[in-house]
């Protein structure tokens, strides 16, 4: 009878190695940061789920996250305090297309190729996003925009790197000695495995496997308006990637800036994956950057029209640093104001996520951003144990760096030559795969005609064109031998 009573008393199931209560030391730490609510459903969890919850919380750097949450929410409260007055970017800070002489462009091109041939340039690609708005769960870089070649964004960019490497080698006294440009590709937890597999199965598109380094951006807990963790499941804290500005913290934590230093890198080209016309490792931009002797630079295009939904560069206070103001932060007067002396919009220089930094500045900005720990708060629907709930994601943006730069130069480029964003599915009014494809085909058709070639076409030429393989030409150069006197039927790929 006694034995039966003992069995009866022990009827509650096994409690697991943590016992009936959460680990005391971890619970006390969570209380220190007002996050003990993460253990609210502990009593309802199985031993296996309790183990998952403990591991999940132990994977979070609680002191760092607490600092980020407090400072980011605190900075929101300070938004009512006056910021330095926003001024237009000084004309002297911008290299405008019409002001460049052929001699300037030639000098910058050669200077850039020389630095590349000496191994001084690395390239960082921001590729953490999925193609959700394109109707795909694959990484955006895997997307095929419908070119005659069927090439993905990743392949186009890899082949442009191959072409620049070859051009740099040919500019030296030893053309057979090709110095590889190291490509650092930032993924996210959602794109990392698929991106690596995409490159491996395609043999890195002709690049050496050891010149490509993949690294993941960080994630941060999603929080309620009062700074508490949102629970995605009873045993998992909801988390989201830390924005494309997470590249700075990721490069630092993975020790990749030390890796760049060891490789002799001095300059870093940083860009977003979803631009079909991006000139990766652009020698002209690099040469201009070196010539100016600045810490940071950005390619810009002029706003197409006042209401265009793009962020623009501004100056924070007279003589202050350049920074980016998002379109949502601009009032109607600021959006439409005209500079009477130029006839342009006063705030016209659009940020298109094509940036150049010195490695020394990258190190400095990674330390400064971490020290300040102020993130943008984005109100989003967060998956939680209560269904989708309104909460906050913590993000940094790539352009946050410019506020810390002692000197920034802007380099205007032509939209139709270098900016074909791929953000929305076909059928949308702008930034679709079809619009990007047409921009590329039209640009390459102009290259072919300028090189002495002819085009035939069975549909109106404004709806089609030819594609020049990046392996044949980086920016329209060296096409005469291929094109002069020859006729090409559009659409098709020209590859020699």
Protein backbone atom coordinates (compact mmCIF):
# COMPACT_ATOMS: atom_id res chain seq x y z
CA UNK A 1 0.00 0.00 0.00
CA UNK A 2 2.86 2.34 0.86
CA UNK A 3 4.45 1.60 -2.49
CA UNK A 4 1.18 2.49 -4.24
CA UNK A 5 1.07 5.82 -2.37
CA UNK A 6 4.64 6.63 -3.45
CA UNK A 7 3.76 5.91 -7.05
CA UNK A 8 0.70 8.11 -6.70
CA UNK A 9 2.73 11.01 -5.33
CA UNK A 10 5.22 10.83 -8.18
CA UNK A 11 2.56 10.84 -10.86
CA UNK A 12 3.55 14.29 -12.36
CA UNK A 13 5.80 13.62 -15.37
CA UNK A 14 9.59 14.00 -15.38
CA UNK A 15 10.73 17.58 -14.89
CA UNK A 16 13.98 17.25 -16.81
CA UNK A 17 17.43 18.24 -15.69
CA UNK A 18 16.31 21.77 -14.80
CA UNK A 19 13.79 20.60 -12.20
CA UNK A 20 10.44 22.25 -11.60
CA UNK A 21 11.78 25.81 -11.90
CA UNK A 22 14.01 27.58 -14.44
CA UNK A 23 17.76 27.61 -13.67
CA UNK A 24 18.07 30.07 -10.77
CA UNK A 25 21.11 31.97 -12.04
CA UNK A 26 19.55 32.46 -15.50
CA UNK A 27 16.22 33.52 -13.99
CA UNK A 28 17.97 36.11 -11.82
CA UNK A 29 19.83 37.49 -14.85
CA UNK A 30 16.57 37.75 -16.78
CA UNK A 31 15.02 39.60 -13.81
CA UNK A 32 17.93 42.03 -13.84
CA UNK A 33 16.91 42.98 -17.39
CA UNK A 34 13.11 42.81 -16.81
CA UNK A 35 12.86 39.86 -19.19
CA UNK A 36 11.75 37.11 -16.80
CA UNK A 37 8.43 36.96 -18.72
CA UNK A 38 10.20 34.66 -21.18
CA UNK A 39 9.75 31.93 -18.54
CA UNK A 40 6.00 32.59 -18.10
CA UNK A 41 4.95 29.24 -19.64
CA UNK A 42 7.73 27.17 -18.03
CA UNK A 43 5.29 25.02 -16.04
CA UNK A 44 3.48 23.99 -19.23
CA UNK A 45 6.61 22.91 -21.10
CA UNK A 46 7.92 19.40 -21.59
CA UNK A 47 11.49 18.68 -20.42
CA UNK A 48 12.62 18.85 -24.06
CA UNK A 49 11.00 22.25 -24.62
CA UNK A 50 12.45 23.58 -21.35
CA UNK A 51 15.87 22.57 -22.63
CA UNK A 52 15.20 24.45 -25.90
CA UNK A 53 14.09 27.57 -24.01
CA UNK A 54 17.16 27.61 -21.78
CA UNK A 55 19.46 27.14 -24.77
CA UNK A 56 17.68 29.89 -26.71
CA UNK A 57 18.02 32.42 -23.89
CA UNK A 58 21.63 31.42 -23.21
CA UNK A 59 22.41 32.18 -26.88
CA UNK A 60 21.39 35.83 -26.36
CA UNK A 61 23.99 38.36 -25.17
CA UNK A 62 21.64 39.81 -22.56
CA UNK A 63 23.76 42.77 -21.44
CA UNK A 64 24.36 43.88 -25.05
CA UNK A 65 20.69 43.45 -26.01
CA UNK A 66 19.55 45.34 -22.92
CA UNK A 67 21.87 48.24 -23.81
CA UNK A 68 20.58 48.29 -27.39
CA UNK A 69 16.93 48.22 -26.28
CA UNK A 70 17.33 50.96 -23.65
CA UNK A 71 19.32 53.28 -25.91
CA UNK A 72 17.15 52.72 -28.97
CA UNK A 73 13.87 53.30 -27.13
CA UNK A 74 15.49 56.21 -25.26
CA UNK A 75 16.56 57.81 -28.53
CA UNK A 76 12.93 57.69 -29.69
CA UNK A 77 12.01 59.75 -26.66
CA UNK A 78 14.68 62.26 -27.64
CA UNK A 79 13.30 62.68 -31.17
CA UNK A 80 11.47 65.77 -30.01
CA UNK A 81 14.80 67.43 -29.22
CA UNK A 82 16.13 69.63 -32.02
CA UNK A 83 18.52 67.90 -34.41
CA UNK A 84 21.14 69.96 -36.23
CA UNK A 85 19.38 71.78 -39.05
CA UNK A 86 19.28 69.80 -42.28
CA UNK A 87 21.13 71.51 -45.11
CA UNK A 88 21.52 70.50 -48.77
CA UNK A 89 24.74 68.68 -49.62
CA UNK A 90 27.39 71.26 -50.59
CA UNK A 91 28.06 71.31 -54.33
CA UNK A 92 31.76 70.76 -53.59
CA UNK A 93 30.96 67.35 -52.06
CA UNK A 94 29.46 65.97 -55.28
CA UNK A 95 31.22 64.86 -58.46
CA UNK A 96 28.56 65.52 -61.12
CA UNK A 97 28.51 63.69 -64.43
CA UNK A 98 28.62 66.88 -66.51
CA UNK A 99 31.65 68.21 -64.64
CA UNK A 100 33.93 65.26 -65.43
CA UNK A 101 36.45 65.54 -68.20
CA UNK A 102 37.58 62.52 -70.22
CA UNK A 103 41.01 63.03 -68.60
CA UNK A 104 39.45 62.74 -65.12
CA UNK A 105 37.69 59.50 -66.01
CA UNK A 106 40.82 58.04 -67.59
CA UNK A 107 42.93 58.97 -64.57
CA UNK A 108 40.46 57.49 -62.08
CA UNK A 109 40.04 54.30 -64.17
CA UNK A 110 43.82 53.71 -64.25
CA UNK A 111 44.27 54.58 -60.58
CA UNK A 112 41.48 52.18 -59.61
CA UNK A 113 42.88 49.34 -61.74
CA UNK A 114 46.32 49.86 -60.20
CA UNK A 115 44.92 49.57 -56.65
CA UNK A 116 42.97 46.44 -57.65
CA UNK A 117 46.07 44.87 -59.23
CA UNK A 118 47.87 45.47 -55.93
CA UNK A 119 45.16 43.63 -53.96
CA UNK A 120 43.99 46.76 -52.14
CA UNK A 121 40.25 46.37 -52.82
CA UNK A 122 37.78 44.00 -51.18
CA UNK A 123 34.08 43.77 -52.03
CA UNK A 124 31.27 43.31 -49.48
CA UNK A 125 27.88 42.20 -50.77
CA UNK A 126 24.72 42.67 -48.68
CA UNK A 127 22.71 39.56 -49.56
CA UNK A 128 20.62 38.81 -46.48
CA UNK A 129 17.22 39.35 -48.11
CA UNK A 130 14.83 36.80 -49.56
CA UNK A 131 12.92 37.42 -52.75
CA UNK A 132 9.58 37.45 -50.94
CA UNK A 133 8.21 40.47 -52.81
CA UNK A 134 9.38 38.83 -56.04
CA UNK A 135 7.27 35.79 -55.26
CA UNK A 136 10.26 33.64 -54.28
CA UNK A 137 11.56 32.30 -50.97
CA UNK A 138 15.07 31.96 -52.43
CA UNK A 139 17.82 34.47 -51.67
CA UNK A 140 17.37 37.55 -53.88
CA UNK A 141 20.75 36.98 -55.54
CA UNK A 142 19.54 33.65 -56.97
CA UNK A 143 16.85 35.46 -58.94
CA UNK A 144 16.87 35.24 -62.75
CA UNK A 145 15.40 38.50 -64.11
CA UNK A 146 14.71 36.98 -67.54
CA UNK A 147 17.82 37.93 -69.53
CA UNK A 148 18.61 35.97 -72.73
CA UNK A 149 21.46 34.27 -70.85
CA UNK A 150 19.23 33.27 -67.94
CA UNK A 151 21.92 34.49 -65.51
CA UNK A 152 21.09 35.19 -61.88
CA UNK A 153 22.02 38.41 -60.10
CA UNK A 154 24.78 36.51 -58.30
CA UNK A 155 26.25 35.29 -61.60
CA UNK A 156 26.18 38.75 -63.20
CA UNK A 157 28.06 40.17 -60.21
CA UNK A 158 30.59 37.32 -60.04
CA UNK A 159 31.38 37.72 -63.74
CA UNK A 160 31.87 41.47 -63.34
CA UNK A 161 34.45 40.71 -60.64
CA UNK A 162 36.19 38.27 -63.00
CA UNK A 163 36.25 40.92 -65.72
CA UNK A 164 37.69 43.63 -63.45
CA UNK A 165 40.39 41.24 -62.22
CA UNK A 166 41.39 40.58 -65.83
CA UNK A 167 41.37 44.30 -66.73
CA UNK A 168 43.51 45.07 -63.66
CA UNK A 169 46.03 42.38 -64.58
CA UNK A 170 46.18 43.63 -68.18
CA UNK A 171 46.98 47.13 -66.93
CA UNK A 172 50.21 45.89 -65.32
CA UNK A 173 53.54 44.80 -66.75
CA UNK A 174 52.65 41.18 -65.95
CA UNK A 175 49.18 40.57 -67.51
CA UNK A 176 49.23 36.88 -66.64
CA UNK A 177 49.39 37.61 -62.90
CA UNK A 178 45.73 38.03 -61.87
CA UNK A 179 45.25 39.20 -58.28
CA UNK A 180 41.88 37.97 -56.95
CA UNK A 181 39.40 40.45 -55.52
CA UNK A 182 38.11 38.96 -52.28
CA UNK A 183 34.31 38.83 -52.12
CA UNK A 184 32.71 38.89 -48.65
CA UNK A 185 29.03 37.93 -48.90
CA UNK A 186 26.74 38.74 -45.98
CA UNK A 187 23.80 36.36 -45.68
CA UNK A 188 21.10 36.00 -43.03
CA UNK A 189 19.85 32.91 -41.16
CA UNK A 190 17.15 32.69 -43.84
CA UNK A 191 19.49 32.81 -46.85
CA UNK A 192 22.83 31.40 -45.68
CA UNK A 193 22.50 27.70 -46.52
CA UNK A 194 20.73 28.32 -49.84
CA UNK A 195 23.30 30.96 -50.90
CA UNK A 196 26.26 28.70 -50.12
CA UNK A 197 24.66 25.80 -52.00
CA UNK A 198 23.86 28.04 -55.00
CA UNK A 199 27.53 29.05 -55.29
CA UNK A 200 28.88 25.53 -54.69
CA UNK A 201 26.66 23.84 -57.27
CA UNK A 202 27.63 26.48 -59.84
CA UNK A 203 31.34 26.29 -59.03
CA UNK A 204 31.42 29.88 -57.84
CA UNK A 205 30.72 31.11 -61.39
CA UNK A 206 34.39 30.79 -62.32
CA UNK A 207 35.80 32.49 -59.22
CA UNK A 208 38.18 30.62 -56.94
CA UNK A 209 36.23 29.17 -54.02
CA UNK A 210 38.80 30.56 -51.58
CA UNK A 211 38.25 34.14 -52.75
CA UNK A 212 34.65 34.06 -51.50
CA UNK A 213 33.81 34.31 -47.79
CA UNK A 214 30.23 33.91 -46.56
CA UNK A 215 29.23 35.36 -43.19
CA UNK A 216 25.89 35.78 -41.47
CA UNK A 217 24.47 39.03 -40.20
CA UNK A 218 23.24 38.98 -36.63
CA UNK A 219 19.71 38.69 -35.31
CA UNK A 220 18.11 40.61 -32.45
CA UNK A 221 15.05 39.82 -30.33
CA UNK A 222 11.77 41.41 -31.39
CA UNK A 223 10.32 43.47 -28.58
CA UNK A 224 7.08 45.03 -27.36
CA UNK A 225 6.72 48.81 -27.07
CA UNK A 226 7.97 48.62 -23.46
CA UNK A 227 11.08 46.65 -24.42
CA UNK A 228 10.03 43.12 -23.41
CA UNK A 229 10.97 40.10 -25.54
CA UNK A 230 8.15 38.75 -27.72
CA UNK A 231 7.93 34.95 -27.59
CA UNK A 232 7.49 33.31 -30.99
CA UNK A 233 6.76 29.97 -29.33
CA UNK A 234 6.63 29.07 -25.61
CA UNK A 235 10.31 28.08 -25.90
CA UNK A 236 11.70 30.52 -28.52
CA UNK A 237 12.25 34.28 -28.40
CA UNK A 238 11.09 35.95 -31.66
CA UNK A 239 14.14 37.27 -33.54
CA UNK A 240 14.78 39.16 -36.77
CA UNK A 241 17.90 40.11 -38.78
CA UNK A 242 19.52 43.34 -37.56
CA UNK A 243 19.20 45.27 -40.86
CA UNK A 244 21.75 45.73 -43.65
CA UNK A 245 23.72 47.96 -41.26
CA UNK A 246 24.33 44.77 -39.27
CA UNK A 247 27.23 44.31 -41.69
CA UNK A 248 29.46 46.41 -39.41
CA UNK A 249 28.86 44.34 -36.28
CA UNK A 250 29.12 41.11 -38.29
CA UNK A 251 32.44 42.05 -39.93
CA UNK A 252 33.76 42.92 -36.48
CA UNK A 253 32.48 39.86 -34.60
CA UNK A 254 33.66 37.44 -37.33
CA UNK A 255 37.09 39.15 -37.36
CA UNK A 256 36.79 39.76 -41.10
CA UNK A 257 38.36 43.20 -40.92
CA UNK A 258 41.47 41.52 -39.51
CA UNK A 259 41.21 39.11 -42.45
CA UNK A 260 41.11 42.08 -44.86
CA UNK A 261 44.13 43.66 -43.18
CA UNK A 262 46.07 40.40 -43.52
CA UNK A 263 45.26 40.37 -47.25
CA UNK A 264 46.59 43.91 -47.70
CA UNK A 265 43.16 45.47 -48.29
CA UNK A 266 42.89 49.26 -47.92
CA UNK A 267 39.51 49.98 -49.55
CA UNK A 268 36.11 48.26 -49.31
CA UNK A 269 33.35 48.41 -51.93
CA UNK A 270 29.96 47.70 -50.33
CA UNK A 271 26.67 47.28 -52.19
CA UNK A 272 23.20 45.67 -52.15
CA UNK A 273 22.42 42.54 -54.13
CA UNK A 274 19.22 43.69 -55.85
CA UNK A 275 20.67 45.97 -58.54
CA UNK A 276 21.01 44.34 -61.97
CA UNK A 277 23.36 47.08 -63.25
CA UNK A 278 25.69 47.34 -60.26
CA UNK A 279 29.31 47.92 -61.28
CA UNK A 280 30.98 45.74 -58.70
CA UNK A 281 34.55 46.84 -57.87
CA UNK A 282 34.21 49.83 -60.21
CA UNK A 283 37.75 51.05 -61.03
CA UNK A 284 36.52 54.58 -61.85
CA UNK A 285 34.71 54.96 -58.52
CA UNK A 286 37.69 53.53 -56.64
CA UNK A 287 40.12 55.85 -58.43
CA UNK A 288 37.91 58.86 -57.65
CA UNK A 289 37.70 57.75 -54.01
CA UNK A 290 41.48 57.45 -53.69
CA UNK A 291 41.94 60.78 -55.48
CA UNK A 292 39.62 62.57 -53.04
CA UNK A 293 41.37 61.08 -49.99
CA UNK A 294 38.06 60.74 -48.08
CA UNK A 295 36.93 58.12 -45.53
CA UNK A 296 33.69 57.24 -47.29
CA UNK A 297 31.92 57.79 -50.59
CA UNK A 298 28.60 56.92 -52.16
CA UNK A 299 27.30 56.72 -55.68
CA UNK A 300 24.13 58.76 -56.10
CA UNK A 301 21.53 59.41 -58.79
CA UNK A 302 19.36 62.50 -59.11
CA UNK A 303 15.80 62.05 -57.90
CA UNK A 304 13.61 61.29 -60.87
CA UNK A 305 10.75 63.44 -59.51
CA UNK A 306 10.01 65.18 -56.17
CA UNK A 307 7.76 62.45 -54.74
CA UNK A 308 10.10 59.55 -55.60
CA UNK A 309 10.21 57.21 -52.63
CA UNK A 310 13.97 57.29 -51.97
CA UNK A 311 16.24 58.48 -49.19
CA UNK A 312 18.47 61.44 -49.99
CA UNK A 313 21.81 62.69 -48.73
CA UNK A 314 21.78 65.84 -46.59
CA UNK A 315 24.24 67.72 -44.44
CA UNK A 316 23.52 67.74 -40.70
CA UNK A 317 24.13 71.36 -39.79
CA UNK A 318 26.36 73.75 -41.70
CA UNK A 319 29.76 72.10 -41.95
CA UNK A 320 28.40 68.92 -40.33
CA UNK A 321 28.60 65.32 -41.57
CA UNK A 322 26.60 64.02 -44.51
CA UNK A 323 23.82 61.59 -43.68
CA UNK A 324 20.75 60.06 -45.30
CA UNK A 325 17.19 61.19 -44.62
CA UNK A 326 14.51 58.66 -45.49
CA UNK A 327 11.66 59.77 -47.74
CA UNK A 328 9.16 59.26 -44.89
CA UNK A 329 11.07 61.83 -42.80
CA UNK A 330 10.84 64.58 -45.45
CA UNK A 331 7.95 67.03 -45.40
CA UNK A 332 6.31 68.30 -48.60
CA UNK A 333 8.27 71.56 -48.60
CA UNK A 334 11.61 69.77 -48.29
CA UNK A 335 10.62 67.29 -51.02
CA UNK A 336 9.76 69.95 -53.59
CA UNK A 337 12.16 72.81 -52.74
CA UNK A 338 14.16 74.06 -55.76
CA UNK A 339 17.74 75.37 -55.75
CA UNK A 340 17.31 78.62 -57.67
CA UNK A 341 20.92 78.73 -58.88
CA UNK A 342 20.93 75.22 -60.40
CA UNK A 343 17.24 74.67 -61.14
CA UNK A 344 17.47 71.25 -59.43
CA UNK A 345 15.71 70.01 -56.33
CA UNK A 346 17.65 71.24 -53.27
CA UNK A 347 17.57 67.69 -51.88
CA UNK A 348 18.15 65.65 -55.02
CA UNK A 349 20.99 63.18 -54.37
CA UNK A 350 19.40 59.75 -53.93
CA UNK A 351 21.08 57.02 -51.91
CA UNK A 352 21.27 53.80 -53.98
CA UNK A 353 23.37 51.61 -51.65
CA UNK A 354 26.64 51.73 -53.61
CA UNK A 355 29.33 52.71 -51.12
CA UNK A 356 33.11 52.85 -50.74
CA UNK A 357 34.98 52.97 -47.41
CA UNK A 358 38.56 52.89 -46.25
CA UNK A 359 39.23 49.84 -44.10
CA UNK A 360 40.43 52.14 -41.30
CA UNK A 361 37.06 53.91 -41.31
CA UNK A 362 35.16 50.60 -41.34
CA UNK A 363 37.00 49.59 -38.17
CA UNK A 364 36.19 52.93 -36.56
CA UNK A 365 32.51 52.87 -37.49
CA UNK A 366 32.03 49.30 -36.28
CA UNK A 367 33.38 50.32 -32.87
CA UNK A 368 31.37 53.57 -32.77
CA UNK A 369 28.05 51.97 -33.74
CA UNK A 370 28.54 49.25 -31.13
CA UNK A 371 29.45 51.80 -28.46
CA UNK A 372 26.43 54.01 -29.19
CA UNK A 373 24.07 51.02 -29.70
CA UNK A 374 21.23 53.08 -31.17
CA UNK A 375 19.08 51.10 -33.60
CA UNK A 376 16.11 52.11 -35.72
CA UNK A 377 12.80 50.78 -34.39
CA UNK A 378 10.52 49.37 -37.10
CA UNK A 379 6.93 48.59 -36.15
CA UNK A 380 6.03 45.22 -37.69
CA UNK A 381 3.68 42.30 -37.29
CA UNK A 382 5.68 39.73 -35.29
CA UNK A 383 4.80 35.99 -35.16
CA UNK A 384 4.10 35.17 -31.51
CA UNK A 385 2.38 32.70 -29.20
CA UNK A 386 -0.71 34.95 -29.52
CA UNK A 387 -0.67 34.94 -33.35
CA UNK A 388 0.76 37.90 -35.23
CA UNK A 389 1.17 40.78 -32.81
CA UNK A 390 2.37 44.36 -33.31
CA UNK A 391 5.93 44.73 -32.08
CA UNK A 392 9.27 46.31 -32.85
CA UNK A 393 12.24 45.07 -34.87
CA UNK A 394 15.65 46.59 -34.13
CA UNK A 395 17.67 47.45 -37.24
CA UNK A 396 20.71 49.38 -38.33
CA UNK A 397 21.13 50.64 -41.89
CA UNK A 398 24.24 50.65 -44.04
CA UNK A 399 24.02 54.45 -44.36
CA UNK A 400 24.20 54.93 -40.57
CA UNK A 401 27.98 54.92 -41.05
CA UNK A 402 28.07 58.27 -42.83
CA UNK A 403 27.23 60.22 -39.67
CA UNK A 404 30.57 59.07 -38.24
CA UNK A 405 32.63 59.90 -41.31
CA UNK A 406 34.99 62.89 -41.10
CA UNK A 407 34.79 63.22 -44.91
CA UNK A 408 32.28 61.88 -47.42
CA UNK A 409 32.23 62.40 -51.19
CA UNK A 410 29.26 61.74 -53.46
CA UNK A 411 29.75 60.45 -57.00
CA UNK A 412 26.86 60.95 -59.40
CA UNK A 413 26.10 58.13 -61.83
CA UNK A 414 23.48 57.83 -64.55
CA UNK A 415 20.47 55.84 -63.42
CA UNK A 416 20.13 54.15 -66.84
CA UNK A 417 23.75 52.94 -66.62
CA UNK A 418 24.11 51.79 -63.02
CA UNK A 419 20.84 51.53 -61.13
CA UNK A 420 18.24 48.90 -62.06
CA UNK A 421 16.67 47.78 -58.75
CA UNK A 422 14.85 44.45 -58.52
CA UNK A 423 12.43 44.80 -55.61
CA UNK A 424 8.87 44.09 -56.76
CA UNK A 425 7.22 41.30 -58.73
CA UNK A 426 6.40 41.78 -62.40
CA UNK A 427 3.11 43.60 -62.69
CA UNK A 428 4.10 46.28 -60.18
CA UNK A 429 4.62 49.80 -61.53
CA UNK A 430 8.37 50.06 -60.84
CA UNK A 431 11.56 48.21 -59.80
CA UNK A 432 10.53 44.86 -61.29
CA UNK A 433 12.61 42.12 -62.94
CA UNK A 434 11.16 43.19 -66.31
CA UNK A 435 12.09 46.85 -65.82
CA UNK A 436 15.63 45.90 -64.72
CA UNK A 437 16.01 43.50 -67.67
CA UNK A 438 14.97 46.20 -70.15
CA UNK A 439 17.38 48.73 -68.62
CA UNK A 440 20.26 46.26 -69.01
CA UNK A 441 19.31 45.29 -72.58
CA UNK A 442 18.98 48.93 -73.65
CA UNK A 443 22.33 49.88 -72.09
CA UNK A 444 24.13 46.96 -73.73
CA UNK A 445 22.48 47.70 -77.08
CA UNK A 446 23.92 51.22 -76.90
CA UNK A 447 27.35 49.72 -76.20
CA UNK A 448 27.10 47.47 -79.26
CA UNK A 449 26.03 50.29 -81.58
CA UNK A 450 28.78 52.57 -80.20
CA UNK A 451 31.28 49.80 -80.99
CA UNK A 452 30.16 49.67 -84.63
CA UNK A 453 27.63 46.83 -84.41
CA UNK A 454 24.11 46.62 -85.86
CA UNK A 455 20.90 45.24 -84.39
CA UNK A 456 17.92 43.51 -85.93
CA UNK A 457 14.77 42.83 -83.95
CA UNK A 458 11.36 41.25 -84.42
CA UNK A 459 9.68 43.34 -81.71
CA UNK A 460 10.04 47.13 -81.19
CA UNK A 461 13.58 47.89 -80.02
CA UNK A 462 12.34 49.77 -76.94
CA UNK A 463 10.96 46.41 -75.72
CA UNK A 464 14.11 44.37 -76.25
CA UNK A 465 17.87 44.53 -76.85
CA UNK A 466 21.05 42.50 -76.62
CA UNK A 467 22.93 41.36 -73.53
CA UNK A 468 26.72 41.66 -73.41
CA UNK A 469 28.32 39.07 -71.13
CA UNK A 470 30.31 40.70 -68.30
CA UNK A 471 33.12 38.35 -69.31
CA UNK A 472 33.33 40.26 -72.61
CA UNK A 473 33.01 43.82 -71.32
CA UNK A 474 32.69 45.48 -67.93
CA UNK A 475 31.34 48.90 -68.96
CA UNK A 476 31.26 48.87 -72.75
CA UNK A 477 35.02 48.79 -73.30
CA UNK A 478 36.88 46.46 -75.70
CA UNK A 479 33.83 45.64 -77.84
CA UNK A 480 35.05 46.92 -81.24
CA UNK A 481 36.79 43.68 -82.16
CA UNK A 482 33.62 41.73 -81.36
CA UNK A 483 30.99 44.10 -82.78
CA UNK A 484 32.32 46.29 -85.59
CA UNK A 485 30.49 45.54 -88.83
CA UNK A 486 28.53 42.65 -87.33
CA UNK A 487 24.77 42.32 -86.97
CA UNK A 488 23.12 40.86 -83.85
CA UNK A 489 19.49 39.86 -83.49
CA UNK A 490 17.71 41.02 -80.36
CA UNK A 491 17.12 39.54 -77.89
CA UNK A 492 20.34 37.54 -77.55
CA UNK A 493 23.53 37.33 -75.50
CA UNK A 494 26.87 38.40 -76.94
CA UNK A 495 29.63 36.39 -75.33
CA UNK A 496 33.19 35.93 -76.59
